[in-house]
mmCIF file of all heavy atoms, coordinates in Angstrom:
data_MODEL
# 
_entry.id   MODEL 
# 
loop_
_atom_site.group_PDB 
_atom_site.id 
_atom_site.type_symbol 
_atom_site.label_atom_id 
_atom_site.label_alt_id 
_atom_site.label_comp_id 
_atom_site.label_asym_id 
_atom_site.label_entity_id 
_atom_site.label_seq_id 
_atom_site.pdbx_PDB_ins_code 
_atom_site.Cartn_x 
_atom_site.Cartn_y 
_atom_site.Cartn_z 
_atom_site.occupancy 
_atom_site.B_iso_or_equiv 
_atom_site.pdbx_formal_charge 
_atom_site.auth_seq_id 
_atom_site.auth_comp_id 
_atom_site.auth_asym_id 
_atom_site.auth_atom_id 
_atom_site.pdbx_PDB_model_num 
ATOM 1   N N   . LYS A 1 1  ? -14.280 19.724 15.746 1.00 0.00 ? 1  LYS A N   1 
ATOM 2   C CA  . LYS A 1 1  ? -13.800 20.155 14.455 1.00 0.00 ? 1  LYS A CA  1 
ATOM 3   C C   . LYS A 1 1  ? -12.256 20.400 14.511 1.00 0.00 ? 1  LYS A C   1 
ATOM 4   O O   . LYS A 1 1  ? -11.720 20.883 15.536 1.00 0.00 ? 1  LYS A O   1 
ATOM 5   C CB  . LYS A 1 1  ? -14.489 21.376 13.910 1.00 0.00 ? 1  LYS A CB  1 
ATOM 6   C CG  . LYS A 1 1  ? -15.946 21.135 13.569 1.00 0.00 ? 1  LYS A CG  1 
ATOM 7   C CD  . LYS A 1 1  ? -16.584 22.359 13.021 1.00 0.00 ? 1  LYS A CD  1 
ATOM 8   C CE  . LYS A 1 1  ? -18.027 22.115 12.602 1.00 0.00 ? 1  LYS A CE  1 
ATOM 9   N NZ  . LYS A 1 1  ? -18.169 21.152 11.549 1.00 0.00 ? 1  LYS A NZ  1 
ATOM 10  N N   . ALA A 1 2  ? -11.546 19.969 13.466 1.00 0.00 ? 2  ALA A N   1 
ATOM 11  C CA  . ALA A 1 2  ? -10.116 20.138 13.475 1.00 0.00 ? 2  ALA A CA  1 
ATOM 12  C C   . ALA A 1 2  ? -9.643  20.780 12.162 1.00 0.00 ? 2  ALA A C   1 
ATOM 13  O O   . ALA A 1 2  ? -10.343 20.828 11.190 1.00 0.00 ? 2  ALA A O   1 
ATOM 14  C CB  . ALA A 1 2  ? -9.504  18.747 13.614 1.00 0.00 ? 2  ALA A CB  1 
ATOM 15  N N   . GLY A 1 3  ? -8.413  21.240 12.176 1.00 0.00 ? 3  GLY A N   1 
ATOM 16  C CA  . GLY A 1 3  ? -7.750  21.712 10.984 1.00 0.00 ? 3  GLY A CA  1 
ATOM 17  C C   . GLY A 1 3  ? -6.952  20.595 10.360 1.00 0.00 ? 3  GLY A C   1 
ATOM 18  O O   . GLY A 1 3  ? -6.289  19.848 11.041 1.00 0.00 ? 3  GLY A O   1 
ATOM 19  N N   . ALA A 1 4  ? -7.095  20.364 9.029  1.00 0.00 ? 4  ALA A N   1 
ATOM 20  C CA  . ALA A 1 4  ? -6.429  19.315 8.375  1.00 0.00 ? 4  ALA A CA  1 
ATOM 21  C C   . ALA A 1 4  ? -5.900  19.755 7.014  1.00 0.00 ? 4  ALA A C   1 
ATOM 22  O O   . ALA A 1 4  ? -6.725  20.364 6.235  1.00 0.00 ? 4  ALA A O   1 
ATOM 23  C CB  . ALA A 1 4  ? -7.220  18.063 8.214  1.00 0.00 ? 4  ALA A CB  1 
ATOM 24  N N   . LYS A 1 5  ? -4.639  19.686 6.752  1.00 0.00 ? 5  LYS A N   1 
ATOM 25  C CA  . LYS A 1 5  ? -4.036  20.092 5.519  1.00 0.00 ? 5  LYS A CA  1 
ATOM 26  C C   . LYS A 1 5  ? -3.073  19.062 4.975  1.00 0.00 ? 5  LYS A C   1 
ATOM 27  O O   . LYS A 1 5  ? -2.197  18.540 5.785  1.00 0.00 ? 5  LYS A O   1 
ATOM 28  C CB  . LYS A 1 5  ? -3.315  21.475 5.687  1.00 0.00 ? 5  LYS A CB  1 
ATOM 29  C CG  . LYS A 1 5  ? -2.696  21.984 4.449  1.00 0.00 ? 5  LYS A CG  1 
ATOM 30  C CD  . LYS A 1 5  ? -2.085  23.367 4.682  1.00 0.00 ? 5  LYS A CD  1 
ATOM 31  C CE  . LYS A 1 5  ? -0.856  23.351 5.524  1.00 0.00 ? 5  LYS A CE  1 
ATOM 32  N NZ  . LYS A 1 5  ? -0.166  24.654 5.610  1.00 0.00 ? 5  LYS A NZ  1 
ATOM 33  N N   . LEU A 1 6  ? -3.218  18.682 3.742  1.00 0.00 ? 6  LEU A N   1 
ATOM 34  C CA  . LEU A 1 6  ? -2.302  17.751 3.102  1.00 0.00 ? 6  LEU A CA  1 
ATOM 35  C C   . LEU A 1 6  ? -0.997  18.425 2.724  1.00 0.00 ? 6  LEU A C   1 
ATOM 36  O O   . LEU A 1 6  ? -1.031  19.429 1.989  1.00 0.00 ? 6  LEU A O   1 
ATOM 37  C CB  . LEU A 1 6  ? -3.003  17.133 1.886  1.00 0.00 ? 6  LEU A CB  1 
ATOM 38  C CG  . LEU A 1 6  ? -2.229  16.058 1.137  1.00 0.00 ? 6  LEU A CG  1 
ATOM 39  C CD1 . LEU A 1 6  ? -2.085  14.828 2.092  1.00 0.00 ? 6  LEU A CD1 1 
ATOM 40  C CD2 . LEU A 1 6  ? -2.922  15.632 -0.112 1.00 0.00 ? 6  LEU A CD2 1 
ATOM 41  N N   . ILE A 1 7  ? 0.085   17.878 3.229  1.00 0.00 ? 7  ILE A N   1 
ATOM 42  C CA  . ILE A 1 7  ? 1.412   18.431 2.903  1.00 0.00 ? 7  ILE A CA  1 
ATOM 43  C C   . ILE A 1 7  ? 1.994   17.676 1.735  1.00 0.00 ? 7  ILE A C   1 
ATOM 44  O O   . ILE A 1 7  ? 2.631   18.206 0.827  1.00 0.00 ? 7  ILE A O   1 
ATOM 45  C CB  . ILE A 1 7  ? 2.365   18.430 4.167  1.00 0.00 ? 7  ILE A CB  1 
ATOM 46  C CG1 . ILE A 1 7  ? 1.822   19.293 5.281  1.00 0.00 ? 7  ILE A CG1 1 
ATOM 47  C CG2 . ILE A 1 7  ? 3.748   18.801 3.754  1.00 0.00 ? 7  ILE A CG2 1 
ATOM 48  C CD1 . ILE A 1 7  ? 2.533   19.215 6.550  1.00 0.00 ? 7  ILE A CD1 1 
ATOM 49  N N   . LYS A 1 8  ? 1.807   16.365 1.768  1.00 0.00 ? 8  LYS A N   1 
ATOM 50  C CA  . LYS A 1 8  ? 2.369   15.514 0.726  1.00 0.00 ? 8  LYS A CA  1 
ATOM 51  C C   . LYS A 1 8  ? 1.513   14.281 0.563  1.00 0.00 ? 8  LYS A C   1 
ATOM 52  O O   . LYS A 1 8  ? 1.147   13.694 1.549  1.00 0.00 ? 8  LYS A O   1 
ATOM 53  C CB  . LYS A 1 8  ? 3.786   15.075 1.015  1.00 0.00 ? 8  LYS A CB  1 
ATOM 54  C CG  . LYS A 1 8  ? 4.497   14.378 -0.181 1.00 0.00 ? 8  LYS A CG  1 
ATOM 55  C CD  . LYS A 1 8  ? 5.896   13.928 0.224  1.00 0.00 ? 8  LYS A CD  1 
ATOM 56  C CE  . LYS A 1 8  ? 5.923   12.613 0.972  1.00 0.00 ? 8  LYS A CE  1 
ATOM 57  N NZ  . LYS A 1 8  ? 7.285   12.051 1.104  1.00 0.00 ? 8  LYS A NZ  1 
ATOM 58  N N   . ALA A 1 9  ? 1.154   13.946 -0.698 1.00 0.00 ? 9  ALA A N   1 
ATOM 59  C CA  . ALA A 1 9  ? 0.374   12.728 -1.016 1.00 0.00 ? 9  ALA A CA  1 
ATOM 60  C C   . ALA A 1 9  ? 1.256   11.623 -1.570 1.00 0.00 ? 9  ALA A C   1 
ATOM 61  O O   . ALA A 1 9  ? 2.332   11.885 -2.037 1.00 0.00 ? 9  ALA A O   1 
ATOM 62  C CB  . ALA A 1 9  ? -0.749  13.017 -2.005 1.00 0.00 ? 9  ALA A CB  1 
ATOM 63  N N   . GLY A 1 10 ? 0.812   10.387 -1.454 1.00 0.00 ? 10 GLY A N   1 
ATOM 64  C CA  . GLY A 1 10 ? 1.564   9.274  -1.963 1.00 0.00 ? 10 GLY A CA  1 
ATOM 65  C C   . GLY A 1 10 ? 1.301   8.009  -1.178 1.00 0.00 ? 10 GLY A C   1 
ATOM 66  O O   . GLY A 1 10 ? 0.328   7.901  -0.450 1.00 0.00 ? 10 GLY A O   1 
ATOM 67  N N   . ASP A 1 11 ? 2.162   7.028  -1.376 1.00 0.00 ? 11 ASP A N   1 
ATOM 68  C CA  . ASP A 1 11 ? 2.016   5.787  -0.593 1.00 0.00 ? 11 ASP A CA  1 
ATOM 69  C C   . ASP A 1 11 ? 2.163   6.048  0.920  1.00 0.00 ? 11 ASP A C   1 
ATOM 70  O O   . ASP A 1 11 ? 1.514   5.358  1.713  1.00 0.00 ? 11 ASP A O   1 
ATOM 71  C CB  . ASP A 1 11 ? 3.089   4.759  -0.960 1.00 0.00 ? 11 ASP A CB  1 
ATOM 72  C CG  . ASP A 1 11 ? 2.893   4.242  -2.455 1.00 0.00 ? 11 ASP A CG  1 
ATOM 73  O OD1 . ASP A 1 11 ? 1.746   4.402  -2.939 1.00 0.00 ? 11 ASP A OD1 1 
ATOM 74  O OD2 . ASP A 1 11 ? 3.847   3.818  -3.066 1.00 0.00 ? 11 ASP A OD2 1 
ATOM 75  N N   . GLN A 1 12 ? 2.939   7.058  1.278  1.00 0.00 ? 12 GLN A N   1 
ATOM 76  C CA  . GLN A 1 12 ? 2.948   7.591  2.571  1.00 0.00 ? 12 GLN A CA  1 
ATOM 77  C C   . GLN A 1 12 ? 2.565   9.129  2.497  1.00 0.00 ? 12 GLN A C   1 
ATOM 78  O O   . GLN A 1 12 ? 3.320   9.807  1.815  1.00 0.00 ? 12 GLN A O   1 
ATOM 79  C CB  . GLN A 1 12 ? 4.276   7.377  3.278  1.00 0.00 ? 12 GLN A CB  1 
ATOM 80  C CG  . GLN A 1 12 ? 4.518   5.950  3.681  1.00 0.00 ? 12 GLN A CG  1 
ATOM 81  C CD  . GLN A 1 12 ? 5.695   5.886  4.637  1.00 0.00 ? 12 GLN A CD  1 
ATOM 82  O OE1 . GLN A 1 12 ? 6.383   6.810  4.989  1.00 0.00 ? 12 GLN A OE1 1 
ATOM 83  N NE2 . GLN A 1 12 ? 5.920   4.639  5.182  1.00 0.00 ? 12 GLN A NE2 1 
ATOM 84  N N   . SER A 1 13 ? 1.496   9.456  3.077  1.00 0.00 ? 13 SER A N   1 
ATOM 85  C CA  . SER A 1 13 ? 1.107   10.906 3.031  1.00 0.00 ? 13 SER A CA  1 
ATOM 86  C C   . SER A 1 13 ? 1.551   11.634 4.272  1.00 0.00 ? 13 SER A C   1 
ATOM 87  O O   . SER A 1 13 ? 1.650   11.075 5.350  1.00 0.00 ? 13 SER A O   1 
ATOM 88  C CB  . SER A 1 13 ? -0.460  10.988 2.905  1.00 0.00 ? 13 SER A CB  1 
ATOM 89  O OG  . SER A 1 13 ? -0.882  10.409 1.714  1.00 0.00 ? 13 SER A OG  1 
ATOM 90  N N   . VAL A 1 14 ? 1.702   12.921 4.110  1.00 0.00 ? 14 VAL A N   1 
ATOM 91  C CA  . VAL A 1 14 ? 2.052   13.781 5.247  1.00 0.00 ? 14 VAL A CA  1 
ATOM 92  C C   . VAL A 1 14 ? 0.930   14.806 5.451  1.00 0.00 ? 14 VAL A C   1 
ATOM 93  O O   . VAL A 1 14 ? 0.536   15.518 4.550  1.00 0.00 ? 14 VAL A O   1 
ATOM 94  C CB  . VAL A 1 14 ? 3.402   14.489 5.042  1.00 0.00 ? 14 VAL A CB  1 
ATOM 95  C CG1 . VAL A 1 14 ? 3.771   15.353 6.243  1.00 0.00 ? 14 VAL A CG1 1 
ATOM 96  C CG2 . VAL A 1 14 ? 4.488   13.463 4.807  1.00 0.00 ? 14 VAL A CG2 1 
ATOM 97  N N   . VAL A 1 15 ? 0.399   14.909 6.694  1.00 0.00 ? 15 VAL A N   1 
ATOM 98  C CA  . VAL A 1 15 ? -0.748  15.690 6.925  1.00 0.00 ? 15 VAL A CA  1 
ATOM 99  C C   . VAL A 1 15 ? -0.505  16.549 8.157  1.00 0.00 ? 15 VAL A C   1 
ATOM 100 O O   . VAL A 1 15 ? 0.044   16.107 9.190  1.00 0.00 ? 15 VAL A O   1 
ATOM 101 C CB  . VAL A 1 15 ? -2.033  14.891 7.206  1.00 0.00 ? 15 VAL A CB  1 
ATOM 102 C CG1 . VAL A 1 15 ? -3.236  15.733 7.520  1.00 0.00 ? 15 VAL A CG1 1 
ATOM 103 C CG2 . VAL A 1 15 ? -2.367  13.988 5.981  1.00 0.00 ? 15 VAL A CG2 1 
ATOM 104 N N   . GLU A 1 16 ? -0.873  17.837 8.060  1.00 0.00 ? 16 GLU A N   1 
ATOM 105 C CA  . GLU A 1 16 ? -0.869  18.693 9.310  1.00 0.00 ? 16 GLU A CA  1 
ATOM 106 C C   . GLU A 1 16 ? -2.258  18.600 9.897  1.00 0.00 ? 16 GLU A C   1 
ATOM 107 O O   . GLU A 1 16 ? -3.237  18.839 9.186  1.00 0.00 ? 16 GLU A O   1 
ATOM 108 C CB  . GLU A 1 16 ? -0.474  20.176 8.923  1.00 0.00 ? 16 GLU A CB  1 
ATOM 109 C CG  . GLU A 1 16 ? -0.543  21.148 10.066 1.00 0.00 ? 16 GLU A CG  1 
ATOM 110 C CD  . GLU A 1 16 ? -0.452  22.545 9.669  1.00 0.00 ? 16 GLU A CD  1 
ATOM 111 O OE1 . GLU A 1 16 ? -1.503  23.171 9.353  1.00 0.00 ? 16 GLU A OE1 1 
ATOM 112 O OE2 . GLU A 1 16 ? 0.692   23.046 9.659  1.00 0.00 ? 16 GLU A OE2 1 
ATOM 113 N N   . LEU A 1 17 ? -2.328  18.342 11.172 1.00 0.00 ? 17 LEU A N   1 
ATOM 114 C CA  . LEU A 1 17 ? -3.608  18.245 11.881 1.00 0.00 ? 17 LEU A CA  1 
ATOM 115 C C   . LEU A 1 17 ? -3.497  19.122 13.125 1.00 0.00 ? 17 LEU A C   1 
ATOM 116 O O   . LEU A 1 17 ? -2.634  19.055 13.975 1.00 0.00 ? 17 LEU A O   1 
ATOM 117 C CB  . LEU A 1 17 ? -3.864  16.795 12.310 1.00 0.00 ? 17 LEU A CB  1 
ATOM 118 C CG  . LEU A 1 17 ? -5.201  16.461 12.873 1.00 0.00 ? 17 LEU A CG  1 
ATOM 119 C CD1 . LEU A 1 17 ? -6.265  16.630 11.810 1.00 0.00 ? 17 LEU A CD1 1 
ATOM 120 C CD2 . LEU A 1 17 ? -5.308  15.103 13.477 1.00 0.00 ? 17 LEU A CD2 1 
ATOM 121 N N   . ILE A 1 18 ? -4.564  19.944 13.324 1.00 0.00 ? 18 ILE A N   1 
ATOM 122 C CA  . ILE A 1 18 ? -4.682  20.833 14.435 1.00 0.00 ? 18 ILE A CA  1 
ATOM 123 C C   . ILE A 1 18 ? -5.967  20.553 15.253 1.00 0.00 ? 18 ILE A C   1 
ATOM 124 O O   . ILE A 1 18 ? -7.037  20.530 14.731 1.00 0.00 ? 18 ILE A O   1 
ATOM 125 C CB  . ILE A 1 18 ? -4.807  22.364 13.988 1.00 0.00 ? 18 ILE A CB  1 
ATOM 126 C CG1 . ILE A 1 18 ? -3.670  22.766 13.097 1.00 0.00 ? 18 ILE A CG1 1 
ATOM 127 C CG2 . ILE A 1 18 ? -4.892  23.286 15.182 1.00 0.00 ? 18 ILE A CG2 1 
ATOM 128 C CD1 . ILE A 1 18 ? -3.760  24.122 12.515 1.00 0.00 ? 18 ILE A CD1 1 
ATOM 129 N N   . ILE A 1 19 ? -5.665  20.157 16.453 1.00 0.00 ? 19 ILE A N   1 
ATOM 130 C CA  . ILE A 1 19 ? -6.810  19.667 17.390 1.00 0.00 ? 19 ILE A CA  1 
ATOM 131 C C   . ILE A 1 19 ? -6.800  20.636 18.560 1.00 0.00 ? 19 ILE A C   1 
ATOM 132 O O   . ILE A 1 19 ? -5.849  21.347 18.837 1.00 0.00 ? 19 ILE A O   1 
ATOM 133 C CB  . ILE A 1 19 ? -6.639  18.260 17.786 1.00 0.00 ? 19 ILE A CB  1 
ATOM 134 C CG1 . ILE A 1 19 ? -5.363  17.993 18.629 1.00 0.00 ? 19 ILE A CG1 1 
ATOM 135 C CG2 . ILE A 1 19 ? -6.664  17.336 16.612 1.00 0.00 ? 19 ILE A CG2 1 
ATOM 136 C CD1 . ILE A 1 19 ? -5.269  16.621 19.277 1.00 0.00 ? 19 ILE A CD1 1 
ATOM 137 N N   . HIS A 1 20 ? -7.937  20.562 19.323 1.00 0.00 ? 20 HIS A N   1 
ATOM 138 C CA  . HIS A 1 20 ? -8.138  21.433 20.472 1.00 0.00 ? 20 HIS A CA  1 
ATOM 139 C C   . HIS A 1 20 ? -8.436  20.557 21.726 1.00 0.00 ? 20 HIS A C   1 
ATOM 140 O O   . HIS A 1 20 ? -8.818  21.077 22.761 1.00 0.00 ? 20 HIS A O   1 
ATOM 141 C CB  . HIS A 1 20 ? -9.285  22.391 20.296 1.00 0.00 ? 20 HIS A CB  1 
ATOM 142 C CG  . HIS A 1 20 ? -8.995  23.336 19.151 1.00 0.00 ? 20 HIS A CG  1 
ATOM 143 N ND1 . HIS A 1 20 ? -9.279  23.053 17.821 1.00 0.00 ? 20 HIS A ND1 1 
ATOM 144 C CD2 . HIS A 1 20 ? -8.467  24.600 19.103 1.00 0.00 ? 20 HIS A CD2 1 
ATOM 145 C CE1 . HIS A 1 20 ? -8.993  24.053 17.034 1.00 0.00 ? 20 HIS A CE1 1 
ATOM 146 N NE2 . HIS A 1 20 ? -8.461  24.943 17.776 1.00 0.00 ? 20 HIS A NE2 1 
ATOM 147 N N   . GLU A 1 21 ? -8.271  19.298 21.617 1.00 0.00 ? 21 GLU A N   1 
ATOM 148 C CA  . GLU A 1 21 ? -8.508  18.355 22.752 1.00 0.00 ? 21 GLU A CA  1 
ATOM 149 C C   . GLU A 1 21 ? -7.217  17.643 23.037 1.00 0.00 ? 21 GLU A C   1 
ATOM 150 O O   . GLU A 1 21 ? -6.173  17.901 22.465 1.00 0.00 ? 21 GLU A O   1 
ATOM 151 C CB  . GLU A 1 21 ? -9.575  17.335 22.381 1.00 0.00 ? 21 GLU A CB  1 
ATOM 152 C CG  . GLU A 1 21 ? -10.914 17.957 21.964 1.00 0.00 ? 21 GLU A CG  1 
ATOM 153 C CD  . GLU A 1 21 ? -11.640 17.259 20.854 1.00 0.00 ? 21 GLU A CD  1 
ATOM 154 O OE1 . GLU A 1 21 ? -10.905 16.877 19.842 1.00 0.00 ? 21 GLU A OE1 1 
ATOM 155 O OE2 . GLU A 1 21 ? -12.818 17.097 20.903 1.00 0.00 ? 21 GLU A OE2 1 
ATOM 156 N N   . GLY A 1 22 ? -7.269  16.748 24.028 1.00 0.00 ? 22 GLY A N   1 
ATOM 157 C CA  . GLY A 1 22 ? -6.070  16.043 24.383 1.00 0.00 ? 22 GLY A CA  1 
ATOM 158 C C   . GLY A 1 22 ? -6.325  14.606 24.858 1.00 0.00 ? 22 GLY A C   1 
ATOM 159 O O   . GLY A 1 22 ? -5.742  14.118 25.848 1.00 0.00 ? 22 GLY A O   1 
ATOM 160 N N   . LYS A 1 23 ? -7.223  13.925 24.149 1.00 0.00 ? 23 LYS A N   1 
ATOM 161 C CA  . LYS A 1 23 ? -7.486  12.537 24.487 1.00 0.00 ? 23 LYS A CA  1 
ATOM 162 C C   . LYS A 1 23 ? -6.236  11.658 24.256 1.00 0.00 ? 23 LYS A C   1 
ATOM 163 O O   . LYS A 1 23 ? -5.402  12.021 23.415 1.00 0.00 ? 23 LYS A O   1 
ATOM 164 C CB  . LYS A 1 23 ? -8.648  11.967 23.620 1.00 0.00 ? 23 LYS A CB  1 
ATOM 165 C CG  . LYS A 1 23 ? -9.955  12.671 23.802 1.00 0.00 ? 23 LYS A CG  1 
ATOM 166 C CD  . LYS A 1 23 ? -10.530 12.403 25.176 1.00 0.00 ? 23 LYS A CD  1 
ATOM 167 C CE  . LYS A 1 23 ? -11.890 13.076 25.398 1.00 0.00 ? 23 LYS A CE  1 
ATOM 168 N NZ  . LYS A 1 23 ? -12.431 12.858 26.735 1.00 0.00 ? 23 LYS A NZ  1 
ATOM 169 N N   . ASN A 1 24 ? -6.213  10.606 24.942 1.00 0.00 ? 24 ASN A N   1 
ATOM 170 C CA  . ASN A 1 24 ? -5.059  9.666  24.878 1.00 0.00 ? 24 ASN A CA  1 
ATOM 171 C C   . ASN A 1 24 ? -4.795  9.212  23.476 1.00 0.00 ? 24 ASN A C   1 
ATOM 172 O O   . ASN A 1 24 ? -5.728  8.696  22.817 1.00 0.00 ? 24 ASN A O   1 
ATOM 173 C CB  . ASN A 1 24 ? -5.279  8.508  25.869 1.00 0.00 ? 24 ASN A CB  1 
ATOM 174 C CG  . ASN A 1 24 ? -4.036  7.596  25.890 1.00 0.00 ? 24 ASN A CG  1 
ATOM 175 O OD1 . ASN A 1 24 ? -2.885  7.961  25.871 1.00 0.00 ? 24 ASN A OD1 1 
ATOM 176 N ND2 . ASN A 1 24 ? -4.315  6.291  25.867 1.00 0.00 ? 24 ASN A ND2 1 
ATOM 177 N N   . ARG A 1 25 ? -3.665  9.457  22.935 1.00 0.00 ? 25 ARG A N   1 
ATOM 178 C CA  . ARG A 1 25 ? -3.289  9.078  21.547 1.00 0.00 ? 25 ARG A CA  1 
ATOM 179 C C   . ARG A 1 25 ? -4.296  9.471  20.546 1.00 0.00 ? 25 ARG A C   1 
ATOM 180 O O   . ARG A 1 25 ? -4.598  8.752  19.580 1.00 0.00 ? 25 ARG A O   1 
ATOM 181 C CB  . ARG A 1 25 ? -3.015  7.508  21.514 1.00 0.00 ? 25 ARG A CB  1 
ATOM 182 C CG  . ARG A 1 25 ? -1.963  7.038  22.473 1.00 0.00 ? 25 ARG A CG  1 
ATOM 183 C CD  . ARG A 1 25 ? -1.760  5.539  22.460 1.00 0.00 ? 25 ARG A CD  1 
ATOM 184 N NE  . ARG A 1 25 ? -1.243  5.060  21.201 1.00 0.00 ? 25 ARG A NE  1 
ATOM 185 C CZ  . ARG A 1 25 ? 0.060   5.048  20.862 1.00 0.00 ? 25 ARG A CZ  1 
ATOM 186 N NH1 . ARG A 1 25 ? 0.967   5.535  21.760 1.00 0.00 ? 25 ARG A NH1 1 
ATOM 187 N NH2 . ARG A 1 25 ? 0.525   4.563  19.703 1.00 0.00 ? 25 ARG A NH2 1 
# 
């Protein structure tokens, strides 16, 4: 489970994402 919050919507959206793992990319 992750934290996800939309900062800006549009043709290009900006999202804050909080994760607790560290898989490659």
